Amino acid sequence: MHPDAAYIYRKQLEEADMIVVNKVDLLSPTDQTTLRELIADQFPEQPVRFISAHTGEGVDEWVTAVLEAAGQGEG
């Protein structure tokens, strides 16, 4: 990845309300754990969701979290 693109990508992750990792069905449990730890280390302020759009794993929980966050501040 070009350094400028890497910088922009990192900034987007730093400013994200939530980091969502898709295609977790392609990762072993060990790789999922390693990736989760790396993300938590680099972006400790952002909640992380692991999903698989293919299998549906984690999708309902992710959608619920998004909808709950969207409802905050209403009233």
PDB file of N, CA and C in Angstrom:
ATOM      1  N   MET A   1       0.856  -1.174   0.000  1.00  0.00           N
ATOM      2  CA  MET A   1       0.000   0.000   0.000  1.00  0.00           C
ATOM      3  C   MET A   1       0.901   1.236   0.000  1.00  0.00           C
ATOM      4  N   HIS A   2       0.534   2.195  -0.794  1.00  0.00           N
ATOM      5  CA  HIS A   2       1.280   3.450  -0.846  1.00  0.00           C
ATOM      6  C   HIS A   2       1.216   4.128   0.525  1.00  0.00           C
ATOM      7  N   PRO A   3       2.314   4.743   0.968  1.00  0.00           N
ATOM      8  CA  PRO A   3       2.325   5.369   2.303  1.00  0.00           C
ATOM      9  C   PRO A   3       1.213   6.395   2.514  1.00  0.00           C
ATOM     10  N   ASP A   4       0.872   7.164   1.481  1.00  0.00           N
ATOM     11  CA  ASP A   4      -0.209   8.143   1.631  1.00  0.00           C
ATOM     12  C   ASP A   4      -1.552   7.454   1.859  1.00  0.00           C
ATOM     13  N   ALA A   5      -1.779   6.365   1.126  1.00  0.00           N
ATOM     14  CA  ALA A   5      -3.027   5.616   1.298  1.00  0.00           C
ATOM     15  C   ALA A   5      -3.069   4.963   2.674  1.00  0.00           C
ATOM     16  N   ALA A   6      -1.947   4.444   3.130  1.00  0.00           N
ATOM     17  CA  ALA A   6      -1.877   3.822   4.453  1.00  0.00           C
ATOM     18  C   ALA A   6      -2.176   4.850   5.543  1.00  0.00           C
ATOM     19  N   TYR A   7      -1.674   6.054   5.384  1.00  0.00           N
ATOM     20  CA  TYR A   7      -1.918   7.126   6.357  1.00  0.00           C
ATOM     21  C   TYR A   7      -3.420   7.442   6.426  1.00  0.00           C
ATOM     22  N   ILE A   8      -4.040   7.599   5.267  1.00  0.00           N
ATOM     23  CA  ILE A   8      -5.469   7.919   5.225  1.00  0.00           C
ATOM     24  C   ILE A   8      -6.289   6.780   5.826  1.00  0.00           C
ATOM     25  N   TYR A   9      -5.935   5.557   5.482  1.00  0.00           N
ATOM     26  CA  TYR A   9      -6.647   4.389   6.010  1.00  0.00           C
ATOM     27  C   TYR A   9      -6.549   4.341   7.531  1.00  0.00           C
ATOM     28  N   ARG A  10      -5.353   4.575   8.053  1.00  0.00           N
ATOM     29  CA  ARG A  10      -5.156   4.567   9.502  1.00  0.00           C
ATOM     30  C   ARG A  10      -5.987   5.654  10.174  1.00  0.00           C
ATOM     31  N   LYS A  11      -6.012   6.835   9.584  1.00  0.00           N
ATOM     32  CA  LYS A  11      -6.805   7.939  10.145  1.00  0.00           C
ATOM     33  C   LYS A  11      -8.290   7.593  10.159  1.00  0.00           C
ATOM     34  N   GLN A  12      -8.764   6.924   9.107  1.00  0.00           N
ATOM     35  CA  GLN A  12     -10.170   6.516   9.079  1.00  0.00           C
ATOM     36  C   GLN A  12     -10.469   5.540  10.216  1.00  0.00           C
ATOM     37  N   LEU A  13      -9.564   4.610  10.452  1.00  0.00           N
ATOM     38  CA  LEU A  13      -9.761   3.663  11.551  1.00  0.00           C
ATOM     39  C   LEU A  13      -9.720   4.358  12.905  1.00  0.00           C
ATOM     40  N   GLU A  14      -8.823   5.321  13.067  1.00  0.00           N
ATOM     41  CA  GLU A  14      -8.719   6.057  14.327  1.00  0.00           C
ATOM     42  C   GLU A  14      -9.989   6.846  14.622  1.00  0.00           C
ATOM     43  N   GLU A  15     -10.653   7.334  13.590  1.00  0.00           N
ATOM     44  CA  GLU A  15     -11.833   8.178  13.762  1.00  0.00           C
ATOM     45  C   GLU A  15     -13.151   7.407  13.652  1.00  0.00           C
ATOM     46  N   ALA A  16     -13.072   6.119  13.421  1.00  0.00           N
ATOM     47  CA  ALA A  16     -14.284   5.303  13.237  1.00  0.00           C
ATOM     48  C   ALA A  16     -15.060   5.168  14.541  1.00  0.00           C
ATOM     49  N   ASP A  17     -16.372   5.107  14.421  1.00  0.00           N
ATOM     50  CA  ASP A  17     -17.224   4.823  15.580  1.00  0.00           C
ATOM     51  C   ASP A  17     -17.161   3.346  15.938  1.00  0.00           C
ATOM     52  N   MET A  18     -16.867   2.528  14.925  1.00  0.00           N
ATOM     53  CA  MET A  18     -16.792   1.092  15.120  1.00  0.00           C
ATOM     54  C   MET A  18     -15.944   0.520  13.976  1.00  0.00           C
ATOM     55  N   ILE A  19     -15.131  -0.468  14.298  1.00  0.00           N
ATOM     56  CA  ILE A  19     -14.361  -1.164  13.273  1.00  0.00           C
ATOM     57  C   ILE A  19     -15.029  -2.515  13.055  1.00  0.00           C
ATOM     58  N   VAL A  20     -15.380  -2.794  11.803  1.00  0.00           N
ATOM     59  CA  VAL A  20     -16.040  -4.045  11.450  1.00  0.00           C
ATOM     60  C   VAL A  20     -15.124  -4.839  10.530  1.00  0.00           C
ATOM     61  N   VAL A  21     -14.818  -6.049  10.939  1.00  0.00           N
ATOM     62  CA  VAL A  21     -13.985  -6.951  10.139  1.00  0.00           C
ATOM     63  C   VAL A  21     -14.904  -7.996   9.532  1.00  0.00           C
ATOM     64  N   ASN A  22     -14.958  -8.036   8.202  1.00  0.00           N
ATOM     65  CA  ASN A  22     -15.797  -8.994   7.493  1.00  0.00           C
ATOM     66  C   ASN A  22     -14.961 -10.195   7.063  1.00  0.00           C
ATOM     67  N   LYS A  23     -15.629 -11.206   6.596  1.00  0.00           N
ATOM     68  CA  LYS A  23     -15.017 -12.440   6.079  1.00  0.00           C
ATOM     69  C   LYS A  23     -14.274 -13.233   7.151  1.00  0.00           C
ATOM     70  N   VAL A  24     -14.751 -13.149   8.385  1.00  0.00           N
ATOM     71  CA  VAL A  24     -14.084 -13.894   9.451  1.00  0.00           C
ATOM     72  C   VAL A  24     -14.223 -15.396   9.271  1.00  0.00           C
ATOM     73  N   ASP A  25     -15.154 -15.806   8.418  1.00  0.00           N
ATOM     74  CA  ASP A  25     -15.287 -17.231   8.135  1.00  0.00           C
ATOM     75  C   ASP A  25     -14.047 -17.775   7.416  1.00  0.00           C
ATOM     76  N   LEU A  26     -13.222 -16.911   6.879  1.00  0.00           N
ATOM     77  CA  LEU A  26     -11.990 -17.320   6.195  1.00  0.00           C
ATOM     78  C   LEU A  26     -10.790 -17.372   7.134  1.00  0.00           C
ATOM     79  N   LEU A  27     -10.987 -16.963   8.396  1.00  0.00           N
ATOM     80  CA  LEU A  27      -9.895 -16.942   9.374  1.00  0.00           C
ATOM     81  C   LEU A  27     -10.060 -18.075  10.382  1.00  0.00           C
ATOM     82  N   SER A  28      -8.948 -18.645  10.776  1.00  0.00           N
ATOM     83  CA  SER A  28      -8.984 -19.647  11.844  1.00  0.00           C
ATOM     84  C   SER A  28      -9.278 -18.926  13.167  1.00  0.00           C
ATOM     85  N   PRO A  29      -9.734 -19.656  14.167  1.00  0.00           N
ATOM     86  CA  PRO A  29      -9.947 -19.029  15.481  1.00  0.00           C
ATOM     87  C   PRO A  29      -8.680 -18.350  16.008  1.00  0.00           C
ATOM     88  N   THR A  30      -7.531 -18.969  15.772  1.00  0.00           N
ATOM     89  CA  THR A  30      -6.267 -18.368  16.223  1.00  0.00           C
ATOM     90  C   THR A  30      -5.998 -17.054  15.493  1.00  0.00           C
ATOM     91  N   ASP A  31      -6.232 -17.041  14.182  1.00  0.00           N
ATOM     92  CA  ASP A  31      -6.025 -15.811  13.412  1.00  0.00           C
ATOM     93  C   ASP A  31      -7.012 -14.724  13.832  1.00  0.00           C
ATOM     94  N   GLN A  32      -8.245 -15.120  14.144  1.00  0.00           N
ATOM     95  CA  GLN A  32      -9.227 -14.143  14.620  1.00  0.00           C
ATOM     96  C   GLN A  32      -8.766 -13.509  15.926  1.00  0.00           C
ATOM     97  N   THR A  33      -8.267 -14.331  16.828  1.00  0.00           N
ATOM     98  CA  THR A  33      -7.780 -13.822  18.116  1.00  0.00           C
ATOM     99  C   THR A  33      -6.604 -12.880  17.910  1.00  0.00           C
ATOM    100  N   THR A  34      -5.682 -13.281  17.054  1.00  0.00           N
ATOM    101  CA  THR A  34      -4.512 -12.443  16.782  1.00  0.00           C
ATOM    102  C   THR A  34      -4.928 -11.103  16.189  1.00  0.00           C
ATOM    103  N   LEU A  35      -5.833 -11.137  15.210  1.00  0.00           N
ATOM    104  CA  LEU A  35      -6.289  -9.901  14.578  1.00  0.00           C
ATOM    105  C   LEU A  35      -7.026  -9.019  15.576  1.00  0.00           C
ATOM    106  N   ARG A  36      -7.876  -9.622  16.399  1.00  0.00           N
ATOM    107  CA  ARG A  36      -8.601  -8.843  17.415  1.00  0.00           C
ATOM    108  C   ARG A  36      -7.627  -8.146  18.369  1.00  0.00           C
ATOM    109  N   GLU A  37      -6.573  -8.844  18.772  1.00  0.00           N
ATOM    110  CA  GLU A  37      -5.569  -8.260  19.672  1.00  0.00           C
ATOM    111  C   GLU A  37      -4.803  -7.132  18.990  1.00  0.00           C
ATOM    112  N   LEU A  38      -4.455  -7.317  17.730  1.00  0.00           N
ATOM    113  CA  LEU A  38      -3.742  -6.266  16.990  1.00  0.00           C
ATOM    114  C   LEU A  38      -4.591  -5.005  16.855  1.00  0.00           C
ATOM    115  N   ILE A  39      -5.859  -5.199  16.528  1.00  0.00           N
ATOM    116  CA  ILE A  39      -6.753  -4.045  16.386  1.00  0.00           C
ATOM    117  C   ILE A  39      -6.940  -3.350  17.729  1.00  0.00           C
ATOM    118  N   ALA A  40      -7.144  -4.109  18.780  1.00  0.00           N
ATOM    119  CA  ALA A  40      -7.328  -3.523  20.112  1.00  0.00           C
ATOM    120  C   ALA A  40      -6.088  -2.760  20.560  1.00  0.00           C
ATOM    121  N   ASP A  41      -4.926  -3.265  20.194  1.00  0.00           N
ATOM    122  CA  ASP A  41      -3.677  -2.600  20.555  1.00  0.00           C
ATOM    123  C   ASP A  41      -3.511  -1.282  19.798  1.00  0.00           C
ATOM    124  N   GLN A  42      -3.844  -1.289  18.522  1.00  0.00           N
ATOM    125  CA  GLN A  42      -3.655  -0.106  17.674  1.00  0.00           C
ATOM    126  C   GLN A  42      -4.787   0.918  17.804  1.00  0.00           C
ATOM    127  N   PHE A  43      -5.997   0.431  18.076  1.00  0.00           N
ATOM    128  CA  PHE A  43      -7.172   1.306  18.120  1.00  0.00           C
ATOM    129  C   PHE A  43      -8.011   0.996  19.362  1.00  0.00           C
ATOM    130  N   PRO A  44      -7.466   1.279  20.537  1.00  0.00           N
ATOM    131  CA  PRO A  44      -8.135   0.869  21.783  1.00  0.00           C
ATOM    132  C   PRO A  44      -9.472   1.565  22.043  1.00  0.00           C
ATOM    133  N   GLU A  45      -9.723   2.679  21.415  1.00  0.00           N
ATOM    134  CA  GLU A  45     -10.956   3.426  21.668  1.00  0.00           C
ATOM    135  C   GLU A  45     -12.141   2.927  20.838  1.00  0.00           C
ATOM    136  N   GLN A  46     -11.872   2.190  19.772  1.00  0.00           N
ATOM    137  CA  GLN A  46     -12.928   1.768  18.871  1.00  0.00           C
ATOM    138  C   GLN A  46     -13.419   0.361  19.213  1.00  0.00           C
ATOM    139  N   PRO A  47     -14.739   0.215  19.302  1.00  0.00           N
ATOM    140  CA  PRO A  47     -15.272  -1.136  19.449  1.00  0.00           C
ATOM    141  C   PRO A  47     -15.047  -1.903  18.141  1.00  0.00           C
ATOM    142  N   VAL A  48     -14.848  -3.199  18.250  1.00  0.00           N
ATOM    143  CA  VAL A  48     -14.561  -4.028  17.084  1.00  0.00           C
ATOM    144  C   VAL A  48     -15.624  -5.118  16.971  1.00  0.00           C
ATOM    145  N   ARG A  49     -16.118  -5.319  15.775  1.00  0.00           N
ATOM    146  CA  ARG A  49     -17.082  -6.376  15.479  1.00  0.00           C
ATOM    147  C   ARG A  49     -16.489  -7.264  14.401  1.00  0.00           C
ATOM    148  N   PHE A  50     -16.565  -8.551  14.595  1.00  0.00           N
ATOM    149  CA  PHE A  50     -16.151  -9.527  13.592  1.00  0.00           C
ATOM    150  C   PHE A  50     -17.420 -10.133  13.008  1.00  0.00           C
ATOM    151  N   ILE A  51     -17.556 -10.066  11.687  1.00  0.00           N
ATOM    152  CA  ILE A  51     -18.742 -10.596  11.026  1.00  0.00           C
ATOM    153  C   ILE A  51     -18.354 -11.424   9.803  1.00  0.00           C
ATOM    154  N   SER A  52     -19.310 -12.187   9.340  1.00  0.00           N
ATOM    155  CA  SER A  52     -19.192 -12.866   8.056  1.00  0.00           C
ATOM    156  C   SER A  52     -20.489 -12.621   7.311  1.00  0.00           C
ATOM    157  N   ALA A  53     -20.438 -11.807   6.278  1.00  0.00           N
ATOM    158  CA  ALA A  53     -21.626 -11.578   5.466  1.00  0.00           C
ATOM    159  C   ALA A  53     -22.039 -12.873   4.769  1.00  0.00           C
ATOM    160  N   HIS A  54     -21.096 -13.733   4.518  1.00  0.00           N
ATOM    161  CA  HIS A  54     -21.368 -15.003   3.831  1.00  0.00           C
ATOM    162  C   HIS A  54     -22.164 -15.964   4.712  1.00  0.00           C
ATOM    163  N   THR A  55     -21.729 -16.135   5.954  1.00  0.00           N
ATOM    164  CA  THR A  55     -22.399 -17.088   6.848  1.00  0.00           C
ATOM    165  C   THR A  55     -23.433 -16.431   7.758  1.00  0.00           C
ATOM    166  N   GLY A  56     -23.363 -15.122   7.908  1.00  0.00           N
ATOM    167  CA  GLY A  56     -24.264 -14.405   8.804  1.00  0.00           C
ATOM    168  C   GLY A  56     -23.726 -14.257  10.215  1.00  0.00           C
ATOM    169  N   GLU A  57     -22.575 -14.863  10.484  1.00  0.00           N
ATOM    170  CA  GLU A  57     -21.980 -14.791  11.824  1.00  0.00           C
ATOM    171  C   GLU A  57     -21.759 -13.335  12.238  1.00  0.00           C
ATOM    172  N   GLY A  58     -22.303 -12.958  13.375  1.00  0.00           N
ATOM    173  CA  GLY A  58     -22.084 -11.639  13.945  1.00  0.00           C
ATOM    174  C   GLY A  58     -22.863 -10.510  13.301  1.00  0.00           C
ATOM    175  N   VAL A  59     -23.587 -10.787  12.212  1.00  0.00           N
ATOM    176  CA  VAL A  59     -24.284  -9.716  11.494  1.00  0.00           C
ATOM    177  C   VAL A  59     -25.418  -9.128  12.325  1.00  0.00           C
ATOM    178  N   ASP A  60     -26.236  -9.976  12.947  1.00  0.00           N
ATOM    179  CA  ASP A  60     -27.353  -9.468  13.752  1.00  0.00           C
ATOM    180  C   ASP A  60     -26.857  -8.587  14.892  1.00  0.00           C
ATOM    181  N   GLU A  61     -25.806  -9.014  15.554  1.00  0.00           N
ATOM    182  CA  GLU A  61     -25.253  -8.235  16.664  1.00  0.00           C
ATOM    183  C   GLU A  61     -24.711  -6.896  16.178  1.00  0.00           C
ATOM    184  N   TRP A  62     -24.075  -6.902  15.005  1.00  0.00           N
ATOM    185  CA  TRP A  62     -23.530  -5.674  14.431  1.00  0.00           C
ATOM    186  C   TRP A  62     -24.661  -4.698  14.079  1.00  0.00           C
ATOM    187  N   VAL A  63     -25.699  -5.208  13.422  1.00  0.00           N
ATOM    188  CA  VAL A  63     -26.832  -4.358  13.049  1.00  0.00           C
ATOM    189  C   VAL A  63     -27.495  -3.776  14.295  1.00  0.00           C
ATOM    190  N   THR A  64     -27.665  -4.590  15.311  1.00  0.00           N
ATOM    191  CA  THR A  64     -28.249  -4.108  16.564  1.00  0.00           C
ATOM    192  C   THR A  64     -27.406  -2.994  17.168  1.00  0.00           C
ATOM    193  N   ALA A  65     -26.096  -3.177  17.187  1.00  0.00           N
ATOM    194  CA  ALA A  65     -25.192  -2.158  17.735  1.00  0.00           C
ATOM    195  C   ALA A  65     -25.293  -0.851  16.939  1.00  0.00           C
ATOM    196  N   VAL A  66     -25.371  -0.946  15.628  1.00  0.00           N
ATOM    197  CA  VAL A  66     -25.490   0.250  14.791  1.00  0.00           C
ATOM    198  C   VAL A  66     -26.803   0.968  15.067  1.00  0.00           C
ATOM    199  N   LEU A  67     -27.887   0.201  15.137  1.00  0.00           N
ATOM    200  CA  LEU A  67     -29.189   0.816  15.388  1.00  0.00           C
ATOM    201  C   LEU A  67     -29.267   1.450  16.767  1.00  0.00           C
ATOM    202  N   GLU A  68     -28.685   0.797  17.755  1.00  0.00           N
ATOM    203  CA  GLU A  68     -28.676   1.374  19.109  1.00  0.00           C
ATOM    204  C   GLU A  68     -27.866   2.657  19.136  1.00  0.00           C
ATOM    205  N   ALA A  69     -26.735   2.679  18.454  1.00  0.00           N
ATOM    206  CA  ALA A  69     -25.902   3.884  18.412  1.00  0.00           C
ATOM    207  C   ALA A  69     -26.625   5.005  17.668  1.00  0.00           C
ATOM    208  N   ALA A  70     -27.359   4.652  16.620  1.00  0.00           N
ATOM    209  CA  ALA A  70     -28.092   5.655  15.854  1.00  0.00           C
ATOM    210  C   ALA A  70     -29.213   6.280  16.689  1.00  0.00           C
ATOM    211  N   GLY A  71     -29.754   5.529  17.636  1.00  0.00           N
ATOM    212  CA  GLY A  71     -30.823   6.021  18.471  1.00  0.00           C
ATOM    213  C   GLY A  71     -30.371   6.877  19.630  1.00  0.00           C
ATOM    214  N   GLN A  72     -29.086   6.875  19.917  1.00  0.00           N
ATOM    215  CA  GLN A  72     -28.574   7.680  21.025  1.00  0.00           C
ATOM    216  C   GLN A  72     -28.698   9.156  20.676  1.00  0.00           C
ATOM    217  N   GLY A  73     -29.061   9.924  21.651  1.00  0.00           N
ATOM    218  CA  GLY A  73     -29.174  11.362  21.426  1.00  0.00           C
ATOM    219  C   GLY A  73     -30.558  11.781  20.961  1.00  0.00           C
ATOM    220  N   GLU A  74     -31.422  10.813  20.679  1.00  0.00           N
ATOM    221  CA  GLU A  74     -32.789  11.157  20.302  1.00  0.00           C
ATOM    222  C   GLU A  74     -33.605  11.378  21.562  1.00  0.00           C
ATOM    223  N   GLY A  75     -34.607  12.172  21.425  1.00  0.00           N
ATOM    224  CA  GLY A  75     -35.484  12.289  22.561  1.00  0.00           C
ATOM    225  C   GLY A  75     -35.765  13.658  22.865  1.00  0.00           C
TER     226      GLY A  75
END
